[in-house]
Amino acid sequence: MGLPQKLLDKLACPKCHGDLDYDKHKSRFECSHCREFYRVEDDIPVMPLDEAQKID
């Protein structure tokens, strides 16, 4: 199914409110400013702050 473009355009990092990059192959949103990512499960972004993981 995939994520709709309208959603991709509106999502922001819940921590810094900056832009997120969607990595379709890894199923996650990445914040280059915070150096963290948020996973996507079953086409649903999982974005509570305590769910963020550091980008290696």
PDB file of N, CA and C in Angstrom:
ATOM      1  N   MET A   1       0.828  -1.197   0.000  1.00  0.00           N
ATOM      2  CA  MET A   1       0.000   0.000   0.000  1.00  0.00           C
ATOM      3  C   MET A   1       0.869   1.257   0.000  1.00  0.00           C
ATOM      4  N   GLY A   2       1.723   1.419   0.994  1.00  0.00           N
ATOM      5  CA  GLY A   2       2.603   2.580   1.032  1.00  0.00           C
ATOM      6  C   GLY A   2       1.972   3.776   1.724  1.00  0.00           C
ATOM      7  N   LEU A   3       2.811   4.719   2.036  1.00  0.00           N
ATOM      8  CA  LEU A   3       2.357   5.926   2.715  1.00  0.00           C
ATOM      9  C   LEU A   3       1.953   6.980   1.688  1.00  0.00           C
ATOM     10  N   PRO A   4       0.818   7.649   1.901  1.00  0.00           N
ATOM     11  CA  PRO A   4       0.387   8.684   0.958  1.00  0.00           C
ATOM     12  C   PRO A   4       1.324   9.893   0.981  1.00  0.00           C
ATOM     13  N   GLN A   5       1.509  10.497  -0.174  1.00  0.00           N
ATOM     14  CA  GLN A   5       2.404  11.648  -0.296  1.00  0.00           C
ATOM     15  C   GLN A   5       1.968  12.800   0.609  1.00  0.00           C
ATOM     16  N   LYS A   6       0.666  12.991   0.796  1.00  0.00           N
ATOM     17  CA  LYS A   6       0.182  14.061   1.678  1.00  0.00           C
ATOM     18  C   LYS A   6       0.719  13.881   3.099  1.00  0.00           C
ATOM     19  N   LEU A   7       0.758  12.637   3.564  1.00  0.00           N
ATOM     20  CA  LEU A   7       1.292  12.357   4.890  1.00  0.00           C
ATOM     21  C   LEU A   7       2.793  12.610   4.927  1.00  0.00           C
ATOM     22  N   LEU A   8       3.495  12.143   3.914  1.00  0.00           N
ATOM     23  CA  LEU A   8       4.947  12.334   3.853  1.00  0.00           C
ATOM     24  C   LEU A   8       5.308  13.815   3.868  1.00  0.00           C
ATOM     25  N   ASP A   9       4.502  14.638   3.225  1.00  0.00           N
ATOM     26  CA  ASP A   9       4.766  16.072   3.150  1.00  0.00           C
ATOM     27  C   ASP A   9       4.526  16.781   4.484  1.00  0.00           C
ATOM     28  N   LYS A  10       3.666  16.235   5.331  1.00  0.00           N
ATOM     29  CA  LYS A  10       3.287  16.911   6.567  1.00  0.00           C
ATOM     30  C   LYS A  10       4.036  16.455   7.807  1.00  0.00           C
ATOM     31  N   LEU A  11       4.610  15.267   7.785  1.00  0.00           N
ATOM     32  CA  LEU A  11       5.280  14.762   8.975  1.00  0.00           C
ATOM     33  C   LEU A  11       6.546  15.559   9.292  1.00  0.00           C
ATOM     34  N   ALA A  12       6.770  15.764  10.584  1.00  0.00           N
ATOM     35  CA  ALA A  12       7.972  16.451  11.053  1.00  0.00           C
ATOM     36  C   ALA A  12       8.529  15.666  12.230  1.00  0.00           C
ATOM     37  N   CYS A  13       9.781  15.893  12.521  1.00  0.00           N
ATOM     38  CA  CYS A  13      10.425  15.240  13.654  1.00  0.00           C
ATOM     39  C   CYS A  13       9.706  15.668  14.941  1.00  0.00           C
ATOM     40  N   PRO A  14       9.285  14.715  15.753  1.00  0.00           N
ATOM     41  CA  PRO A  14       8.594  15.076  16.984  1.00  0.00           C
ATOM     42  C   PRO A  14       9.506  15.738  18.013  1.00  0.00           C
ATOM     43  N   LYS A  15      10.807  15.638  17.834  1.00  0.00           N
ATOM     44  CA  LYS A  15      11.749  16.218  18.794  1.00  0.00           C
ATOM     45  C   LYS A  15      12.129  17.648  18.418  1.00  0.00           C
ATOM     46  N   CYS A  16      12.603  17.857  17.194  1.00  0.00           N
ATOM     47  CA  CYS A  16      13.079  19.186  16.785  1.00  0.00           C
ATOM     48  C   CYS A  16      12.129  19.896  15.819  1.00  0.00           C
ATOM     49  N   HIS A  17      11.097  19.188  15.364  1.00  0.00           N
ATOM     50  CA  HIS A  17      10.097  19.715  14.426  1.00  0.00           C
ATOM     51  C   HIS A  17      10.676  20.002  13.044  1.00  0.00           C
ATOM     52  N   GLY A  18      11.838  19.419  12.765  1.00  0.00           N
ATOM     53  CA  GLY A  18      12.472  19.584  11.465  1.00  0.00           C
ATOM     54  C   GLY A  18      11.954  18.570  10.454  1.00  0.00           C
ATOM     55  N   ASP A  19      12.477  18.665   9.255  1.00  0.00           N
ATOM     56  CA  ASP A  19      12.091  17.769   8.165  1.00  0.00           C
ATOM     57  C   ASP A  19      12.599  16.354   8.415  1.00  0.00           C
ATOM     58  N   LEU A  20      11.824  15.401   7.941  1.00  0.00           N
ATOM     59  CA  LEU A  20      12.199  13.991   8.009  1.00  0.00           C
ATOM     60  C   LEU A  20      12.415  13.462   6.602  1.00  0.00           C
ATOM     61  N   ASP A  21      13.349  12.554   6.465  1.00  0.00           N
ATOM     62  CA  ASP A  21      13.567  11.848   5.203  1.00  0.00           C
ATOM     63  C   ASP A  21      13.007  10.450   5.357  1.00  0.00           C
ATOM     64  N   TYR A  22      12.216  10.024   4.373  1.00  0.00           N
ATOM     65  CA  TYR A  22      11.613   8.691   4.419  1.00  0.00           C
ATOM     66  C   TYR A  22      12.493   7.720   3.665  1.00  0.00           C
ATOM     67  N   ASP A  23      12.973   6.698   4.351  1.00  0.00           N
ATOM     68  CA  ASP A  23      13.747   5.627   3.729  1.00  0.00           C
ATOM     69  C   ASP A  23      12.805   4.444   3.526  1.00  0.00           C
ATOM     70  N   LYS A  24      12.282   4.335   2.319  1.00  0.00           N
ATOM     71  CA  LYS A  24      11.284   3.312   2.000  1.00  0.00           C
ATOM     72  C   LYS A  24      11.851   1.904   2.170  1.00  0.00           C
ATOM     73  N   HIS A  25      13.102   1.712   1.819  1.00  0.00           N
ATOM     74  CA  HIS A  25      13.712   0.383   1.874  1.00  0.00           C
ATOM     75  C   HIS A  25      13.946  -0.087   3.308  1.00  0.00           C
ATOM     76  N   LYS A  26      14.218   0.842   4.217  1.00  0.00           N
ATOM     77  CA  LYS A  26      14.423   0.487   5.618  1.00  0.00           C
ATOM     78  C   LYS A  26      13.156   0.693   6.457  1.00  0.00           C
ATOM     79  N   SER A  27      12.096   1.184   5.826  1.00  0.00           N
ATOM     80  CA  SER A  27      10.813   1.453   6.500  1.00  0.00           C
ATOM     81  C   SER A  27      11.009   2.312   7.743  1.00  0.00           C
ATOM     82  N   ARG A  28      11.566   3.506   7.511  1.00  0.00           N
ATOM     83  CA  ARG A  28      11.771   4.408   8.640  1.00  0.00           C
ATOM     84  C   ARG A  28      11.882   5.851   8.164  1.00  0.00           C
ATOM     85  N   PHE A  29      11.605   6.767   9.105  1.00  0.00           N
ATOM     86  CA  PHE A  29      11.806   8.191   8.898  1.00  0.00           C
ATOM     87  C   PHE A  29      13.066   8.591   9.641  1.00  0.00           C
ATOM     88  N   GLU A  30      13.923   9.373   8.983  1.00  0.00           N
ATOM     89  CA  GLU A  30      15.186   9.776   9.576  1.00  0.00           C
ATOM     90  C   GLU A  30      15.239  11.291   9.725  1.00  0.00           C
ATOM     91  N   CYS A  31      15.724  11.739  10.874  1.00  0.00           N
ATOM     92  CA  CYS A  31      15.952  13.161  11.116  1.00  0.00           C
ATOM     93  C   CYS A  31      17.461  13.385  11.097  1.00  0.00           C
ATOM     94  N   SER A  32      17.936  14.112  10.108  1.00  0.00           N
ATOM     95  CA  SER A  32      19.381  14.335  10.001  1.00  0.00           C
ATOM     96  C   SER A  32      19.868  15.298  11.078  1.00  0.00           C
ATOM     97  N   HIS A  33      19.007  16.153  11.571  1.00  0.00           N
ATOM     98  CA  HIS A  33      19.400  17.098  12.626  1.00  0.00           C
ATOM     99  C   HIS A  33      19.604  16.373  13.958  1.00  0.00           C
ATOM    100  N   CYS A  34      18.652  15.551  14.357  1.00  0.00           N
ATOM    101  CA  CYS A  34      18.727  14.820  15.631  1.00  0.00           C
ATOM    102  C   CYS A  34      19.560  13.546  15.525  1.00  0.00           C
ATOM    103  N   ARG A  35      19.803  13.106  14.298  1.00  0.00           N
ATOM    104  CA  ARG A  35      20.520  11.845  14.037  1.00  0.00           C
ATOM    105  C   ARG A  35      19.784  10.667  14.664  1.00  0.00           C
ATOM    106  N   GLU A  36      18.447  10.680  14.518  1.00  0.00           N
ATOM    107  CA  GLU A  36      17.597   9.612  15.020  1.00  0.00           C
ATOM    108  C   GLU A  36      16.628   9.190  13.925  1.00  0.00           C
ATOM    109  N   PHE A  37      16.072   7.986  14.099  1.00  0.00           N
ATOM    110  CA  PHE A  37      15.063   7.538  13.150  1.00  0.00           C
ATOM    111  C   PHE A  37      13.876   6.948  13.889  1.00  0.00           C
ATOM    112  N   TYR A  38      12.762   6.939  13.174  1.00  0.00           N
ATOM    113  CA  TYR A  38      11.500   6.400  13.673  1.00  0.00           C
ATOM    114  C   TYR A  38      11.037   5.348  12.674  1.00  0.00           C
ATOM    115  N   ARG A  39      10.716   4.168  13.171  1.00  0.00           N
ATOM    116  CA  ARG A  39      10.352   3.073  12.273  1.00  0.00           C
ATOM    117  C   ARG A  39       8.903   3.228  11.787  1.00  0.00           C
ATOM    118  N   VAL A  40       8.609   2.511  10.732  1.00  0.00           N
ATOM    119  CA  VAL A  40       7.262   2.445  10.166  1.00  0.00           C
ATOM    120  C   VAL A  40       6.847   0.982  10.203  1.00  0.00           C
ATOM    121  N   GLU A  41       5.717   0.706  10.840  1.00  0.00           N
ATOM    122  CA  GLU A  41       5.202  -0.660  10.940  1.00  0.00           C
ATOM    123  C   GLU A  41       3.821  -0.730  10.298  1.00  0.00           C
ATOM    124  N   ASP A  42       3.655  -1.618   9.332  1.00  0.00           N
ATOM    125  CA  ASP A  42       2.375  -1.777   8.635  1.00  0.00           C
ATOM    126  C   ASP A  42       1.858  -0.450   8.103  1.00  0.00           C
ATOM    127  N   ASP A  43       2.764   0.337   7.511  1.00  0.00           N
ATOM    128  CA  ASP A  43       2.455   1.651   6.935  1.00  0.00           C
ATOM    129  C   ASP A  43       1.989   2.675   7.972  1.00  0.00           C
ATOM    130  N   ILE A  44       2.369   2.486   9.235  1.00  0.00           N
ATOM    131  CA  ILE A  44       2.035   3.434  10.297  1.00  0.00           C
ATOM    132  C   ILE A  44       3.341   3.922  10.928  1.00  0.00           C
ATOM    133  N   PRO A  45       3.610   5.240  10.864  1.00  0.00           N
ATOM    134  CA  PRO A  45       4.805   5.770  11.516  1.00  0.00           C
ATOM    135  C   PRO A  45       4.694   5.637  13.040  1.00  0.00           C
ATOM    136  N   VAL A  46       5.731   5.114  13.669  1.00  0.00           N
ATOM    137  CA  VAL A  46       5.787   4.963  15.122  1.00  0.00           C
ATOM    138  C   VAL A  46       6.688   6.085  15.621  1.00  0.00           C
ATOM    139  N   MET A  47       6.074   7.171  16.156  1.00  0.00           N
ATOM    140  CA  MET A  47       6.848   8.372  16.397  1.00  0.00           C
ATOM    141  C   MET A  47       6.831   8.932  17.820  1.00  0.00           C
ATOM    142  N   PRO A  48       6.507   8.161  18.854  1.00  0.00           N
ATOM    143  CA  PRO A  48       6.702   8.690  20.206  1.00  0.00           C
ATOM    144  C   PRO A  48       8.198   8.945  20.437  1.00  0.00           C
ATOM    145  N   LEU A  49       8.530   9.964  21.193  1.00  0.00           N
ATOM    146  CA  LEU A  49       9.938  10.301  21.422  1.00  0.00           C
ATOM    147  C   LEU A  49      10.734   9.148  21.995  1.00  0.00           C
ATOM    148  N   ASP A  50      10.107   8.360  22.848  1.00  0.00           N
ATOM    149  CA  ASP A  50      10.838   7.255  23.470  1.00  0.00           C
ATOM    150  C   ASP A  50      11.050   6.072  22.516  1.00  0.00           C
ATOM    151  N   GLU A  51      10.483   6.140  21.325  1.00  0.00           N
ATOM    152  CA  GLU A  51      10.669   5.091  20.310  1.00  0.00           C
ATOM    153  C   GLU A  51      11.787   5.432  19.328  1.00  0.00           C
ATOM    154  N   ALA A  52      12.331   6.646  19.409  1.00  0.00           N
ATOM    155  CA  ALA A  52      13.412   7.054  18.497  1.00  0.00           C
ATOM    156  C   ALA A  52      14.654   6.210  18.739  1.00  0.00           C
ATOM    157  N   GLN A  53      15.362   5.951  17.647  1.00  0.00           N
ATOM    158  CA  GLN A  53      16.610   5.194  17.728  1.00  0.00           C
ATOM    159  C   GLN A  53      17.698   5.982  17.033  1.00  0.00           C
ATOM    160  N   LYS A  54      18.911   5.896  17.552  1.00  0.00           N
ATOM    161  CA  LYS A  54      20.036   6.626  16.989  1.00  0.00           C
ATOM    162  C   LYS A  54      20.453   6.054  15.641  1.00  0.00           C
ATOM    163  N   ILE A  55      20.802   6.933  14.721  1.00  0.00           N
ATOM    164  CA  ILE A  55      21.357   6.527  13.440  1.00  0.00           C
ATOM    165  C   ILE A  55      22.848   6.279  13.653  1.00  0.00           C
ATOM    166  N   ASP A  56      23.318   5.108  13.248  1.00  0.00           N
ATOM    167  CA  ASP A  56      24.746   4.780  13.405  1.00  0.00           C
ATOM    168  C   ASP A  56      25.602   5.531  12.415  1.00  0.00           C
TER     169      ASP A  56
END
